[in-house]
N, C-alpha and C. Protein backbone atom coordinates (compact mmCIF):
# COMPACT_ATOMS: atom_id res chain seq x y z
N MET A 1 8.62 -31.32 -28.97
CA MET A 1 7.66 -31.66 -29.65
C MET A 1 6.26 -31.02 -29.44
N ILE A 2 5.88 -30.56 -30.56
CA ILE A 2 4.15 -30.30 -30.41
C ILE A 2 3.35 -31.35 -30.68
N ALA A 3 2.51 -31.58 -29.65
CA ALA A 3 1.22 -32.55 -29.82
C ALA A 3 0.11 -31.97 -30.42
N ILE A 4 -0.27 -32.52 -31.62
CA ILE A 4 -1.67 -31.99 -32.24
C ILE A 4 -2.69 -32.72 -31.83
N ILE A 5 -3.67 -32.61 -31.25
CA ILE A 5 -4.86 -33.42 -30.62
C ILE A 5 -5.66 -33.95 -31.84
N ASP A 6 -5.91 -35.37 -31.61
CA ASP A 6 -6.49 -35.85 -32.79
C ASP A 6 -7.87 -36.45 -31.95
N TYR A 7 -8.96 -35.72 -32.04
CA TYR A 7 -9.98 -36.09 -31.28
C TYR A 7 -11.36 -36.36 -32.52
N LYS A 8 -10.97 -36.78 -33.50
CA LYS A 8 -11.84 -37.18 -34.44
C LYS A 8 -12.54 -36.09 -35.18
N ALA A 9 -11.89 -34.98 -35.02
CA ALA A 9 -12.77 -33.84 -35.68
C ALA A 9 -11.79 -32.67 -35.61
N GLY A 10 -11.15 -32.54 -37.04
CA GLY A 10 -10.19 -31.55 -37.02
C GLY A 10 -9.57 -31.50 -38.36
N ASN A 11 -9.00 -30.09 -38.57
CA ASN A 11 -8.37 -29.92 -39.69
C ASN A 11 -6.66 -30.34 -39.39
N LEU A 12 -6.47 -31.69 -39.18
CA LEU A 12 -5.11 -31.97 -38.55
C LEU A 12 -4.30 -31.88 -39.61
N THR A 13 -4.29 -32.38 -40.75
CA THR A 13 -3.13 -32.52 -41.69
C THR A 13 -2.87 -30.98 -42.18
N SER A 14 -3.60 -30.30 -42.30
CA SER A 14 -3.15 -29.05 -42.78
C SER A 14 -2.12 -28.28 -41.34
N VAL A 15 -2.71 -28.55 -40.29
CA VAL A 15 -1.89 -27.81 -39.18
C VAL A 15 -0.45 -28.70 -39.02
N ARG A 16 -0.43 -29.89 -39.19
CA ARG A 16 0.82 -30.73 -39.28
C ARG A 16 1.67 -30.10 -40.56
N LEU A 17 1.23 -30.05 -41.61
CA LEU A 17 1.82 -29.65 -42.87
C LEU A 17 2.38 -28.22 -42.65
N ALA A 18 1.74 -27.26 -42.09
CA ALA A 18 2.18 -25.91 -41.92
C ALA A 18 3.30 -25.90 -40.79
N LEU A 19 3.20 -26.77 -39.78
CA LEU A 19 4.20 -26.67 -38.93
C LEU A 19 5.53 -27.43 -39.53
N GLU A 20 5.52 -28.46 -40.32
CA GLU A 20 6.53 -29.18 -41.27
C GLU A 20 7.25 -28.22 -41.93
N TYR A 21 6.31 -27.04 -42.73
CA TYR A 21 6.84 -26.06 -43.60
C TYR A 21 7.81 -25.24 -42.76
N ILE A 22 7.66 -25.07 -41.52
CA ILE A 22 8.34 -24.01 -41.04
C ILE A 22 9.41 -24.80 -39.82
N GLY A 23 9.58 -26.05 -40.26
CA GLY A 23 10.52 -26.91 -39.65
C GLY A 23 10.32 -27.30 -38.11
N VAL A 24 9.09 -27.32 -37.72
CA VAL A 24 8.75 -27.56 -36.39
C VAL A 24 8.33 -29.02 -36.09
N PRO A 25 9.16 -29.74 -35.32
CA PRO A 25 8.58 -31.03 -35.08
C PRO A 25 7.16 -31.15 -34.56
N CYS A 26 6.29 -32.11 -34.91
CA CYS A 26 5.07 -32.38 -34.47
C CYS A 26 4.62 -33.60 -34.65
N GLU A 27 3.69 -34.07 -33.85
CA GLU A 27 3.02 -35.20 -34.25
C GLU A 27 1.34 -35.26 -33.72
N ILE A 28 0.56 -35.99 -34.50
CA ILE A 28 -0.95 -35.96 -34.35
C ILE A 28 -1.29 -37.22 -33.59
N THR A 29 -1.79 -36.98 -32.47
CA THR A 29 -2.06 -38.15 -31.47
C THR A 29 -3.28 -37.73 -30.56
N SER A 30 -3.85 -38.98 -30.20
CA SER A 30 -4.95 -38.96 -29.36
C SER A 30 -4.56 -39.76 -28.00
N ASP A 31 -3.32 -40.02 -27.65
CA ASP A 31 -2.59 -40.66 -26.64
C ASP A 31 -2.58 -39.62 -25.57
N ALA A 32 -3.16 -39.70 -24.41
CA ALA A 32 -3.25 -38.76 -23.29
C ALA A 32 -1.76 -38.74 -22.76
N SER A 33 -1.08 -39.81 -22.69
CA SER A 33 0.43 -39.71 -22.27
C SER A 33 1.23 -39.03 -23.15
N ARG A 34 1.09 -39.12 -24.66
CA ARG A 34 1.95 -38.17 -25.35
C ARG A 34 1.62 -36.80 -25.30
N ILE A 35 0.31 -36.37 -25.16
CA ILE A 35 0.08 -35.15 -25.18
C ILE A 35 0.24 -34.51 -23.67
N SER A 36 0.45 -35.18 -22.76
CA SER A 36 0.97 -34.76 -21.21
C SER A 36 2.34 -34.57 -21.40
N ALA A 37 3.07 -35.55 -22.26
CA ALA A 37 4.27 -35.19 -22.18
C ALA A 37 5.12 -34.10 -23.23
N ALA A 38 4.01 -33.65 -24.25
CA ALA A 38 4.41 -32.58 -25.31
C ALA A 38 5.20 -31.58 -24.59
N GLU A 39 5.86 -30.67 -25.36
CA GLU A 39 6.37 -29.34 -24.89
C GLU A 39 5.41 -28.38 -25.27
N ARG A 40 4.70 -28.72 -26.24
CA ARG A 40 3.29 -27.61 -26.77
C ARG A 40 2.26 -28.52 -27.10
N VAL A 41 1.23 -27.77 -27.10
CA VAL A 41 0.04 -28.62 -27.65
C VAL A 41 -1.07 -27.65 -28.24
N ILE A 42 -1.24 -27.95 -29.52
CA ILE A 42 -2.22 -27.48 -30.41
C ILE A 42 -3.59 -28.38 -30.46
N PHE A 43 -4.70 -27.35 -30.33
CA PHE A 43 -5.86 -28.13 -30.17
C PHE A 43 -6.63 -27.47 -31.23
N PRO A 44 -6.65 -28.32 -32.72
CA PRO A 44 -7.11 -27.76 -33.81
C PRO A 44 -8.84 -28.15 -34.07
N GLY A 45 -9.38 -27.83 -34.98
CA GLY A 45 -10.90 -28.10 -35.08
C GLY A 45 -11.61 -27.61 -36.45
N VAL A 46 -12.32 -28.57 -36.98
CA VAL A 46 -13.22 -28.22 -37.90
C VAL A 46 -14.54 -29.24 -37.64
N GLY A 47 -15.68 -28.66 -37.42
CA GLY A 47 -16.74 -29.60 -37.08
C GLY A 47 -17.88 -28.88 -36.26
N ALA A 48 -18.68 -29.69 -35.41
CA ALA A 48 -19.64 -29.26 -34.32
C ALA A 48 -19.05 -29.55 -33.17
N ALA A 49 -19.60 -28.65 -31.99
CA ALA A 49 -19.13 -28.87 -30.66
C ALA A 49 -19.53 -30.29 -29.74
N GLY A 50 -20.85 -30.29 -30.42
CA GLY A 50 -21.52 -31.78 -29.79
C GLY A 50 -20.51 -32.93 -30.22
N GLU A 51 -20.50 -33.17 -31.36
CA GLU A 51 -19.49 -34.44 -31.82
C GLU A 51 -18.18 -34.37 -31.17
N ALA A 52 -17.72 -33.10 -31.12
CA ALA A 52 -16.27 -32.99 -30.62
C ALA A 52 -16.21 -32.91 -29.24
N MET A 53 -17.27 -32.71 -28.39
CA MET A 53 -17.20 -33.10 -26.92
C MET A 53 -17.50 -34.63 -26.64
N ARG A 54 -18.20 -35.23 -27.50
CA ARG A 54 -18.46 -36.45 -27.28
C ARG A 54 -17.11 -37.48 -27.80
N ASN A 55 -16.50 -36.85 -28.88
CA ASN A 55 -15.20 -37.86 -28.95
C ASN A 55 -14.36 -37.48 -27.80
N LEU A 56 -14.07 -36.22 -27.41
CA LEU A 56 -13.24 -36.13 -26.19
C LEU A 56 -13.63 -36.96 -25.04
N ARG A 57 -14.87 -37.27 -24.71
CA ARG A 57 -15.21 -38.01 -23.80
C ARG A 57 -14.84 -39.37 -23.78
N GLU A 58 -15.09 -39.81 -25.18
CA GLU A 58 -14.88 -41.34 -25.60
C GLU A 58 -13.21 -41.61 -25.52
N LEU A 59 -12.46 -40.55 -25.96
CA LEU A 59 -11.24 -40.60 -25.78
C LEU A 59 -10.42 -40.47 -24.39
N GLN A 60 -11.21 -40.37 -23.60
CA GLN A 60 -10.84 -39.83 -22.19
C GLN A 60 -9.75 -38.61 -22.05
N LEU A 61 -9.97 -37.47 -22.79
CA LEU A 61 -8.92 -36.63 -22.99
C LEU A 61 -9.42 -35.44 -22.30
N ILE A 62 -10.51 -35.09 -21.75
CA ILE A 62 -10.86 -33.75 -21.19
C ILE A 62 -10.18 -33.34 -20.16
N GLU A 63 -10.04 -34.49 -19.00
CA GLU A 63 -9.23 -34.13 -17.74
C GLU A 63 -7.77 -34.04 -18.10
N PRO A 64 -7.11 -34.72 -19.23
CA PRO A 64 -5.47 -34.59 -19.32
C PRO A 64 -5.39 -33.04 -20.18
N LEU A 65 -6.47 -32.70 -20.88
CA LEU A 65 -6.25 -31.35 -21.34
C LEU A 65 -6.32 -30.27 -20.35
N ARG A 66 -7.16 -30.40 -19.38
CA ARG A 66 -7.20 -29.57 -18.35
C ARG A 66 -6.06 -29.43 -17.61
N ALA A 67 -5.25 -30.74 -17.58
CA ALA A 67 -4.38 -31.03 -16.74
C ALA A 67 -2.97 -30.27 -17.45
N VAL A 68 -2.73 -30.24 -18.90
CA VAL A 68 -1.86 -29.69 -19.25
C VAL A 68 -1.94 -28.20 -19.32
N VAL A 69 -3.16 -27.81 -19.44
CA VAL A 69 -3.19 -26.11 -19.11
C VAL A 69 -2.98 -25.68 -17.96
N SER A 70 -3.48 -26.38 -17.01
CA SER A 70 -2.84 -26.05 -15.56
C SER A 70 -1.32 -26.24 -15.13
N SER A 71 -0.83 -27.03 -15.93
CA SER A 71 0.89 -27.09 -15.91
C SER A 71 1.54 -25.93 -16.24
N GLY A 72 0.99 -25.13 -17.09
CA GLY A 72 1.75 -24.17 -17.69
C GLY A 72 2.46 -24.30 -19.25
N VAL A 73 1.95 -25.82 -19.70
CA VAL A 73 2.37 -25.99 -21.08
C VAL A 73 1.83 -25.21 -22.07
N PRO A 74 2.49 -24.42 -22.96
CA PRO A 74 1.89 -23.35 -24.01
C PRO A 74 0.81 -24.22 -24.88
N PHE A 75 -0.17 -23.64 -24.84
CA PHE A 75 -1.45 -24.42 -25.68
C PHE A 75 -1.91 -23.60 -26.38
N LEU A 76 -2.17 -23.97 -27.95
CA LEU A 76 -2.90 -23.10 -28.73
C LEU A 76 -4.24 -23.72 -29.28
N GLY A 77 -5.43 -23.10 -29.03
CA GLY A 77 -6.44 -23.73 -29.55
C GLY A 77 -6.89 -22.93 -30.95
N ILE A 78 -7.51 -23.49 -32.07
CA ILE A 78 -7.81 -23.07 -33.53
C ILE A 78 -9.19 -23.55 -33.76
N CYS A 79 -9.96 -22.50 -34.13
CA CYS A 79 -11.49 -22.75 -34.72
C CYS A 79 -12.26 -23.40 -33.51
N LEU A 80 -12.76 -24.63 -34.05
CA LEU A 80 -13.50 -25.54 -33.17
C LEU A 80 -12.75 -25.86 -31.62
N GLY A 81 -11.38 -25.78 -31.78
CA GLY A 81 -10.63 -26.09 -30.69
C GLY A 81 -10.49 -24.87 -29.78
N THR A 82 -11.13 -23.71 -30.41
CA THR A 82 -10.94 -22.71 -29.50
C THR A 82 -12.40 -22.61 -28.99
N GLN A 83 -13.43 -22.85 -29.56
CA GLN A 83 -14.88 -22.92 -29.10
C GLN A 83 -14.88 -23.67 -27.83
N VAL A 84 -14.75 -25.12 -27.95
CA VAL A 84 -14.66 -25.92 -27.14
C VAL A 84 -13.95 -25.78 -25.81
N ILE A 85 -13.21 -24.98 -25.82
CA ILE A 85 -12.41 -24.61 -24.49
C ILE A 85 -13.31 -23.72 -23.60
N PHE A 86 -14.46 -23.05 -24.20
CA PHE A 86 -15.41 -22.33 -23.31
C PHE A 86 -16.23 -23.32 -22.49
N GLU A 87 -17.04 -22.72 -21.54
CA GLU A 87 -17.81 -23.40 -20.79
C GLU A 87 -19.05 -23.98 -21.26
N PHE A 88 -19.65 -23.25 -22.51
CA PHE A 88 -20.92 -23.55 -23.15
C PHE A 88 -20.93 -22.97 -24.56
N SER A 89 -21.44 -23.97 -25.46
CA SER A 89 -21.77 -23.46 -26.80
C SER A 89 -23.15 -23.78 -26.98
N GLU A 90 -23.70 -22.51 -27.90
CA GLU A 90 -25.00 -22.70 -28.20
C GLU A 90 -25.24 -23.93 -29.81
N GLU A 91 -24.20 -24.42 -29.94
CA GLU A 91 -24.43 -25.46 -31.21
C GLU A 91 -25.05 -26.59 -30.61
N ASP A 92 -25.64 -27.32 -31.48
CA ASP A 92 -26.24 -28.36 -31.21
C ASP A 92 -27.31 -28.52 -30.29
N GLY A 93 -28.12 -27.47 -30.11
CA GLY A 93 -28.95 -27.36 -29.09
C GLY A 93 -28.58 -26.93 -27.81
N GLY A 94 -27.48 -26.67 -27.47
CA GLY A 94 -26.40 -26.35 -26.34
C GLY A 94 -25.76 -27.32 -26.08
N THR A 95 -24.32 -27.12 -25.75
CA THR A 95 -23.28 -28.07 -25.64
C THR A 95 -22.59 -27.76 -24.36
N PRO A 96 -22.35 -28.51 -23.28
CA PRO A 96 -21.54 -28.08 -22.15
C PRO A 96 -20.13 -28.38 -22.55
N CYS A 97 -18.98 -27.45 -22.43
CA CYS A 97 -17.71 -27.67 -23.14
C CYS A 97 -16.73 -27.88 -21.90
N ILE A 98 -15.53 -27.76 -22.27
CA ILE A 98 -14.34 -27.92 -21.20
C ILE A 98 -14.35 -26.93 -20.12
N GLY A 99 -14.65 -25.75 -20.12
CA GLY A 99 -14.59 -24.67 -19.33
C GLY A 99 -13.11 -24.27 -19.16
N LEU A 100 -12.15 -24.11 -20.03
CA LEU A 100 -10.98 -23.79 -19.73
C LEU A 100 -10.96 -22.11 -19.64
N VAL A 101 -11.86 -21.45 -20.36
CA VAL A 101 -11.92 -20.03 -20.49
C VAL A 101 -13.43 -19.70 -20.08
N PRO A 102 -13.77 -18.71 -19.16
CA PRO A 102 -14.97 -18.44 -18.78
C PRO A 102 -15.84 -17.69 -20.00
N GLY A 103 -17.14 -18.03 -20.32
CA GLY A 103 -17.91 -17.71 -21.39
C GLY A 103 -18.29 -18.60 -21.92
N ALA A 104 -19.08 -18.39 -23.01
CA ALA A 104 -20.02 -19.13 -23.93
C ALA A 104 -19.49 -18.46 -25.45
N VAL A 105 -20.07 -19.80 -26.21
CA VAL A 105 -20.02 -19.43 -27.65
C VAL A 105 -21.31 -19.55 -28.01
N LYS A 106 -21.45 -18.39 -29.12
CA LYS A 106 -22.77 -18.06 -29.68
C LYS A 106 -22.98 -18.01 -31.04
N ARG A 107 -24.10 -18.37 -31.67
CA ARG A 107 -24.36 -18.22 -32.99
C ARG A 107 -24.52 -16.72 -33.59
N PHE A 108 -23.97 -16.65 -34.90
CA PHE A 108 -24.19 -15.39 -35.50
C PHE A 108 -25.69 -15.26 -35.80
N THR A 109 -26.35 -14.14 -35.81
CA THR A 109 -27.83 -13.90 -36.02
C THR A 109 -27.76 -12.51 -36.75
N PRO A 110 -27.45 -12.44 -38.13
CA PRO A 110 -27.15 -11.04 -38.71
C PRO A 110 -28.52 -10.77 -38.92
N SER A 111 -28.87 -9.36 -38.66
CA SER A 111 -30.17 -8.79 -39.12
C SER A 111 -30.29 -8.50 -40.46
N ASP A 112 -29.37 -8.66 -41.27
CA ASP A 112 -29.16 -8.45 -42.59
C ASP A 112 -29.42 -9.80 -43.52
N PRO A 113 -30.52 -10.34 -44.17
CA PRO A 113 -30.60 -11.55 -44.85
C PRO A 113 -29.53 -11.87 -45.89
N MET A 114 -28.86 -10.88 -46.10
CA MET A 114 -27.86 -10.97 -47.35
C MET A 114 -26.49 -11.46 -46.78
N CYS A 115 -26.47 -11.31 -45.51
CA CYS A 115 -25.39 -11.57 -44.68
C CYS A 115 -24.95 -13.23 -44.66
N LYS A 116 -24.03 -13.50 -44.94
CA LYS A 116 -23.71 -15.08 -45.21
C LYS A 116 -23.38 -15.79 -43.85
N ILE A 117 -23.93 -16.93 -43.59
CA ILE A 117 -23.43 -17.67 -42.40
C ILE A 117 -23.49 -19.01 -43.06
N PRO A 118 -22.00 -19.73 -42.65
CA PRO A 118 -20.93 -19.28 -42.09
C PRO A 118 -20.19 -18.05 -42.59
N HIS A 119 -19.59 -17.37 -41.75
CA HIS A 119 -18.66 -16.38 -41.77
C HIS A 119 -17.36 -17.06 -42.47
N MET A 120 -17.08 -16.84 -43.77
CA MET A 120 -15.92 -17.85 -44.53
C MET A 120 -15.12 -16.62 -45.34
N GLY A 121 -13.85 -16.73 -45.14
CA GLY A 121 -12.99 -15.93 -45.79
C GLY A 121 -12.10 -14.97 -44.97
N TRP A 122 -11.41 -14.08 -45.57
CA TRP A 122 -10.30 -13.21 -44.81
C TRP A 122 -11.18 -12.11 -44.23
N ASN A 123 -10.63 -12.08 -43.02
CA ASN A 123 -10.99 -10.78 -42.14
C ASN A 123 -10.02 -9.98 -41.36
N THR A 124 -10.15 -8.94 -40.91
CA THR A 124 -9.23 -8.09 -40.12
C THR A 124 -9.44 -8.58 -38.38
N VAL A 125 -8.26 -8.80 -38.10
CA VAL A 125 -8.12 -8.83 -36.56
C VAL A 125 -7.38 -7.64 -36.02
N ARG A 126 -7.94 -6.94 -35.05
CA ARG A 126 -7.68 -5.80 -34.23
C ARG A 126 -7.02 -6.49 -32.89
N PHE A 127 -5.90 -5.86 -32.63
CA PHE A 127 -5.25 -6.65 -31.35
C PHE A 127 -5.81 -5.70 -30.30
N ALA A 128 -6.33 -6.41 -29.22
CA ALA A 128 -6.91 -5.71 -27.76
C ALA A 128 -6.00 -5.74 -26.92
N ALA A 129 -4.77 -6.51 -27.00
CA ALA A 129 -3.53 -6.52 -26.11
C ALA A 129 -2.45 -6.83 -26.67
N ALA A 130 -1.24 -6.56 -26.06
CA ALA A 130 -0.14 -7.07 -26.59
C ALA A 130 0.20 -8.53 -26.28
N HIS A 131 1.02 -9.44 -26.95
CA HIS A 131 1.12 -10.68 -26.99
C HIS A 131 2.30 -11.25 -27.66
N PRO A 132 3.23 -12.21 -27.00
CA PRO A 132 4.33 -12.65 -27.59
C PRO A 132 3.89 -13.17 -29.10
N LEU A 133 2.91 -14.04 -29.21
CA LEU A 133 2.20 -14.51 -30.49
C LEU A 133 1.94 -13.79 -31.32
N PHE A 134 2.03 -12.18 -31.15
CA PHE A 134 1.55 -11.28 -32.13
C PHE A 134 3.01 -10.80 -32.91
N SER A 135 4.02 -11.10 -32.01
CA SER A 135 5.48 -10.48 -32.72
C SER A 135 5.72 -10.94 -34.07
N GLY A 136 5.96 -9.46 -34.84
CA GLY A 136 6.19 -9.63 -36.02
C GLY A 136 4.90 -9.59 -37.18
N ILE A 137 3.63 -9.44 -36.50
CA ILE A 137 2.33 -9.17 -37.18
C ILE A 137 1.67 -7.98 -36.95
N GLU A 138 1.44 -7.24 -37.81
CA GLU A 138 0.95 -5.79 -37.82
C GLU A 138 -0.58 -6.07 -37.23
N ASP A 139 -1.14 -5.00 -36.52
CA ASP A 139 -2.22 -4.97 -35.97
C ASP A 139 -3.37 -4.61 -37.15
N GLY A 140 -4.40 -5.21 -37.28
CA GLY A 140 -5.16 -5.33 -38.58
C GLY A 140 -4.88 -6.11 -39.56
N SER A 141 -3.99 -7.07 -39.28
CA SER A 141 -3.74 -8.04 -40.31
C SER A 141 -4.93 -8.77 -40.59
N GLU A 142 -5.02 -9.60 -41.84
CA GLU A 142 -6.16 -10.27 -42.26
C GLU A 142 -5.78 -11.71 -41.93
N PHE A 143 -6.77 -12.62 -41.67
CA PHE A 143 -6.43 -14.02 -41.37
C PHE A 143 -7.83 -14.85 -41.80
N TYR A 144 -7.73 -16.04 -42.20
CA TYR A 144 -8.85 -16.87 -42.81
C TYR A 144 -9.81 -17.62 -41.69
N PHE A 145 -11.01 -17.29 -41.80
CA PHE A 145 -12.26 -17.43 -40.94
C PHE A 145 -12.91 -18.62 -41.65
N VAL A 146 -13.61 -19.51 -41.09
CA VAL A 146 -14.54 -20.48 -41.49
C VAL A 146 -15.70 -20.75 -40.12
N HIS A 147 -16.64 -20.13 -39.76
CA HIS A 147 -17.44 -20.61 -38.63
C HIS A 147 -18.74 -19.92 -38.56
N SER A 148 -19.65 -20.51 -37.96
CA SER A 148 -21.09 -19.96 -37.67
C SER A 148 -21.16 -19.62 -36.27
N TYR A 149 -20.19 -19.75 -35.28
CA TYR A 149 -20.40 -19.46 -34.08
C TYR A 149 -19.24 -18.89 -33.64
N TYR A 150 -19.29 -17.74 -32.54
CA TYR A 150 -18.06 -17.00 -32.17
C TYR A 150 -17.87 -17.07 -30.84
N PRO A 151 -16.72 -16.84 -29.86
CA PRO A 151 -16.47 -16.78 -28.86
C PRO A 151 -17.11 -15.50 -28.05
N ALA A 152 -17.75 -15.68 -26.91
CA ALA A 152 -17.91 -14.65 -26.28
C ALA A 152 -17.44 -14.87 -24.61
N PRO A 153 -16.21 -14.46 -24.61
CA PRO A 153 -15.66 -14.42 -23.09
C PRO A 153 -16.64 -13.58 -22.22
N SER A 154 -16.58 -14.02 -20.84
CA SER A 154 -17.26 -13.41 -19.73
C SER A 154 -16.23 -12.48 -18.97
N GLU A 155 -15.06 -12.53 -19.56
CA GLU A 155 -13.98 -11.74 -18.74
C GLU A 155 -13.25 -10.89 -19.84
N ALA A 156 -13.30 -9.54 -19.80
CA ALA A 156 -12.64 -8.95 -20.98
C ALA A 156 -11.24 -9.00 -20.87
N GLY A 157 -10.69 -9.38 -19.79
CA GLY A 157 -9.23 -9.64 -19.78
C GLY A 157 -8.75 -10.63 -20.76
N CYS A 158 -9.79 -11.65 -21.04
CA CYS A 158 -9.34 -12.94 -22.08
C CYS A 158 -9.20 -12.43 -23.61
N VAL A 159 -9.93 -11.15 -23.78
CA VAL A 159 -9.73 -11.03 -25.26
C VAL A 159 -8.49 -10.33 -25.74
N LEU A 160 -7.97 -10.96 -26.58
CA LEU A 160 -6.62 -10.49 -27.09
C LEU A 160 -6.73 -9.89 -28.48
N GLY A 161 -7.71 -10.34 -29.25
CA GLY A 161 -7.97 -9.80 -30.59
C GLY A 161 -9.61 -9.79 -30.77
N GLU A 162 -10.05 -9.06 -31.84
CA GLU A 162 -11.15 -8.76 -32.16
C GLU A 162 -11.51 -8.52 -33.56
N THR A 163 -12.69 -9.13 -34.19
CA THR A 163 -13.04 -8.90 -35.64
C THR A 163 -14.39 -8.75 -35.71
N GLU A 164 -14.95 -7.91 -36.70
CA GLU A 164 -16.33 -7.57 -36.73
C GLU A 164 -17.09 -8.48 -37.98
N TYR A 165 -18.17 -8.90 -37.70
CA TYR A 165 -18.74 -9.69 -38.58
C TYR A 165 -20.03 -9.81 -38.31
N ALA A 166 -21.27 -9.81 -39.11
CA ALA A 166 -22.76 -9.77 -38.78
C ALA A 166 -23.41 -9.30 -37.54
N ASP A 167 -23.00 -7.94 -37.67
CA ASP A 167 -23.38 -6.98 -36.55
C ASP A 167 -22.73 -7.20 -35.13
N VAL A 168 -21.69 -7.80 -34.98
CA VAL A 168 -20.91 -8.38 -33.89
C VAL A 168 -19.57 -8.12 -33.94
N ARG A 169 -18.85 -7.42 -32.90
CA ARG A 169 -17.57 -7.35 -32.82
C ARG A 169 -17.23 -8.45 -31.83
N PHE A 170 -16.54 -9.57 -32.45
CA PHE A 170 -16.37 -10.78 -31.60
C PHE A 170 -14.88 -10.99 -31.08
N ALA A 171 -14.67 -11.83 -30.20
CA ALA A 171 -13.11 -11.90 -29.60
C ALA A 171 -12.66 -13.38 -30.68
N SER A 172 -11.83 -12.75 -31.56
CA SER A 172 -11.25 -13.69 -32.59
C SER A 172 -9.88 -14.33 -32.07
N VAL A 173 -9.41 -13.59 -31.05
CA VAL A 173 -8.37 -14.26 -30.26
C VAL A 173 -8.59 -14.07 -28.81
N VAL A 174 -8.47 -15.42 -27.98
CA VAL A 174 -8.57 -15.21 -26.60
C VAL A 174 -7.17 -15.75 -25.60
N GLY A 175 -7.18 -15.69 -24.63
CA GLY A 175 -6.17 -16.16 -23.67
C GLY A 175 -5.98 -15.67 -22.40
N ARG A 176 -5.03 -16.33 -21.90
CA ARG A 176 -4.78 -15.96 -20.43
C ARG A 176 -3.42 -17.04 -20.07
N ASP A 177 -2.47 -16.52 -19.44
CA ASP A 177 -1.28 -17.25 -18.88
C ASP A 177 -1.00 -18.03 -20.37
N ASN A 178 -0.83 -19.32 -20.04
CA ASN A 178 0.09 -20.17 -21.20
C ASN A 178 -1.00 -20.61 -22.17
N LEU A 179 -2.31 -20.20 -22.21
CA LEU A 179 -3.20 -20.40 -23.30
C LEU A 179 -3.66 -19.27 -24.21
N PHE A 180 -3.57 -19.76 -25.32
CA PHE A 180 -3.85 -19.03 -26.53
C PHE A 180 -4.60 -19.49 -27.40
N ALA A 181 -5.71 -18.80 -28.15
CA ALA A 181 -6.62 -19.42 -28.77
C ALA A 181 -7.25 -18.61 -30.08
N THR A 182 -7.47 -19.08 -31.42
CA THR A 182 -7.92 -18.27 -32.41
C THR A 182 -8.98 -18.87 -32.68
N GLN A 183 -9.99 -17.91 -33.32
CA GLN A 183 -11.14 -18.41 -33.91
C GLN A 183 -10.79 -18.84 -35.55
N PHE A 184 -9.78 -17.79 -35.99
CA PHE A 184 -9.22 -18.05 -37.31
C PHE A 184 -8.53 -19.40 -37.43
N HIS A 185 -8.09 -19.48 -38.76
CA HIS A 185 -7.05 -20.70 -39.00
C HIS A 185 -5.79 -20.23 -39.36
N PRO A 186 -4.82 -20.16 -38.36
CA PRO A 186 -3.45 -19.80 -38.76
C PRO A 186 -2.82 -20.45 -39.96
N GLU A 187 -3.12 -21.96 -40.00
CA GLU A 187 -2.48 -22.82 -41.04
C GLU A 187 -2.96 -22.49 -42.31
N ARG A 188 -4.21 -21.68 -42.59
CA ARG A 188 -4.72 -21.42 -43.59
C ARG A 188 -4.53 -19.85 -43.91
N SER A 189 -3.79 -19.18 -43.29
CA SER A 189 -3.76 -17.85 -43.29
C SER A 189 -2.38 -17.07 -43.99
N GLY A 190 -1.81 -17.93 -44.72
CA GLY A 190 -0.48 -17.61 -45.57
C GLY A 190 0.59 -17.21 -44.56
N ARG A 191 1.16 -16.29 -45.00
CA ARG A 191 2.66 -16.11 -44.19
C ARG A 191 2.60 -15.47 -42.84
N ILE A 192 1.24 -14.51 -42.66
CA ILE A 192 1.02 -14.11 -41.48
C ILE A 192 0.49 -15.50 -40.14
N GLY A 193 -0.04 -16.09 -40.87
CA GLY A 193 -0.40 -17.48 -40.03
C GLY A 193 0.65 -18.26 -39.72
N LEU A 194 1.67 -18.41 -40.59
CA LEU A 194 3.11 -19.18 -40.50
C LEU A 194 3.72 -18.47 -39.28
N ARG A 195 3.64 -17.06 -39.53
CA ARG A 195 4.48 -16.42 -38.54
C ARG A 195 4.01 -16.63 -36.90
N LEU A 196 2.59 -16.61 -37.12
CA LEU A 196 1.82 -16.90 -35.70
C LEU A 196 2.30 -18.51 -35.24
N LEU A 197 2.39 -19.37 -36.02
CA LEU A 197 2.71 -20.77 -35.54
C LEU A 197 4.15 -20.84 -35.33
N GLU A 198 4.86 -20.19 -36.05
CA GLU A 198 6.45 -19.83 -35.59
C GLU A 198 6.64 -19.29 -34.09
N ASN A 199 5.79 -18.22 -33.98
CA ASN A 199 5.99 -17.86 -32.68
C ASN A 199 5.54 -18.41 -31.50
N PHE A 200 4.51 -19.33 -31.56
CA PHE A 200 3.91 -20.58 -30.72
C PHE A 200 4.89 -21.34 -30.41
N SER A 201 5.80 -21.83 -31.57
CA SER A 201 6.79 -22.98 -31.41
C SER A 201 7.91 -22.44 -30.35
N ARG A 202 8.10 -21.08 -30.31
CA ARG A 202 9.22 -20.55 -29.56
C ARG A 202 8.48 -19.97 -28.28
N TRP A 203 7.22 -19.97 -27.92
CA TRP A 203 6.60 -19.33 -26.54
C TRP A 203 6.87 -20.27 -25.69
N ASP A 204 7.31 -19.53 -24.38
CA ASP A 204 7.44 -20.48 -23.20
C ASP A 204 6.28 -20.41 -22.29
N GLY A 205 5.09 -19.85 -22.89
CA GLY A 205 3.86 -19.72 -22.06
C GLY A 205 3.62 -18.55 -21.13
N THR A 206 4.44 -17.58 -21.07
CA THR A 206 4.41 -16.36 -20.19
C THR A 206 4.28 -15.42 -21.28
N CYS A 207 3.43 -14.23 -20.56
CA CYS A 207 3.40 -13.24 -21.27
C CYS A 207 3.80 -11.89 -20.68
């Protein structure tokens, strides 16, 4: 069973429907005991970092999430669910985050006034390293993005995929050990997004 974390801010239904479409059992939950018992965990998200962190604290989910990752359970972050696993986000005047991945989340500041923020739509992901979740997906494939902030890991080894937008080549996929996280939305990325989710449903958390 895959636990989809409900922290009152997320594209939860789309993720559940995508998993059900490929025949993968899942549940949406904010119950720490259910999350801790899950075979895999997905941390999705749409919204703002400040509100997300407040909700996580109120639900008392921060330490259970850290424990899940420490235990080796396969973990997938999506969009805002990727941003809040870093140490800090520039969003909402500066937001301390969970700290599962070293680094910060920064706001796009394009020099071209015609460059639209948020970054919304399809864009290319170039693989920076091989990974089991990329199985059957071609380097340079396009995925669907919606975001105004981007991950900036402090360790180059955490960068698994990169994308260019608004004068920045940013880490659109990050990970290490049993943690894998995407700035794009696989559940909204058609066939290749479903393939990534299917790969995750079979992944044992090792690289």
